[in-house]
Protein backbone atom coordinates (compact mmCIF):
# COMPACT_ATOMS: atom_id res chain seq x y z
CA MET A 1 0.00 0.00 0.00
CA LEU A 2 1.36 3.40 -0.95
CA PRO A 3 1.64 6.17 1.62
CA THR A 4 -0.98 8.90 1.49
CA TRP A 5 1.40 11.63 0.35
CA CYS A 6 2.62 9.43 -2.49
CA MET A 7 -0.93 8.89 -3.72
CA LYS A 8 -1.63 12.64 -3.49
CA ILE A 9 1.48 13.48 -5.52
CA THR A 10 0.58 10.85 -8.12
CA ARG A 11 -2.94 12.27 -8.41
CA ILE A 12 -1.60 15.83 -8.80
CA PHE A 13 0.80 14.69 -11.53
CA ALA A 14 -2.02 12.85 -13.32
CA VAL A 15 -4.22 15.97 -13.29
CA SER A 16 -1.29 18.17 -14.39
CA ALA A 17 -0.43 15.83 -17.25
CA ARG A 18 -4.05 15.88 -18.40
CA ALA A 19 -4.16 19.70 -18.23
CA VAL A 20 -0.91 19.97 -20.21
CA THR A 21 -2.28 17.58 -22.84
CA VAL A 22 -5.45 19.66 -23.21
CA LEU A 23 -3.43 22.89 -23.47
CA PHE A 24 -1.14 21.30 -26.06
CA LEU A 25 -4.06 20.05 -28.16
CA THR A 26 -5.71 23.48 -27.97
CA PHE A 27 -2.45 25.16 -29.04
CA VAL A 28 -2.06 22.77 -31.99
CA SER A 29 -5.68 23.33 -33.03
CA CYS A 30 -5.27 27.12 -32.92
CA SER A 31 -1.99 26.93 -34.83
CA GLY A 32 -3.64 24.73 -37.46
CA LEU A 33 -6.44 27.28 -37.90
CA LEU A 34 -3.88 30.05 -38.39
């Protein structure tokens, strides 16, 4: 079983990675439109 802080950090990284992916896709879409 992982410690609580480890699970929290993992969750934060997962959310951050998802946010970065969305930002990257949005940037690519806007660049493609230009």
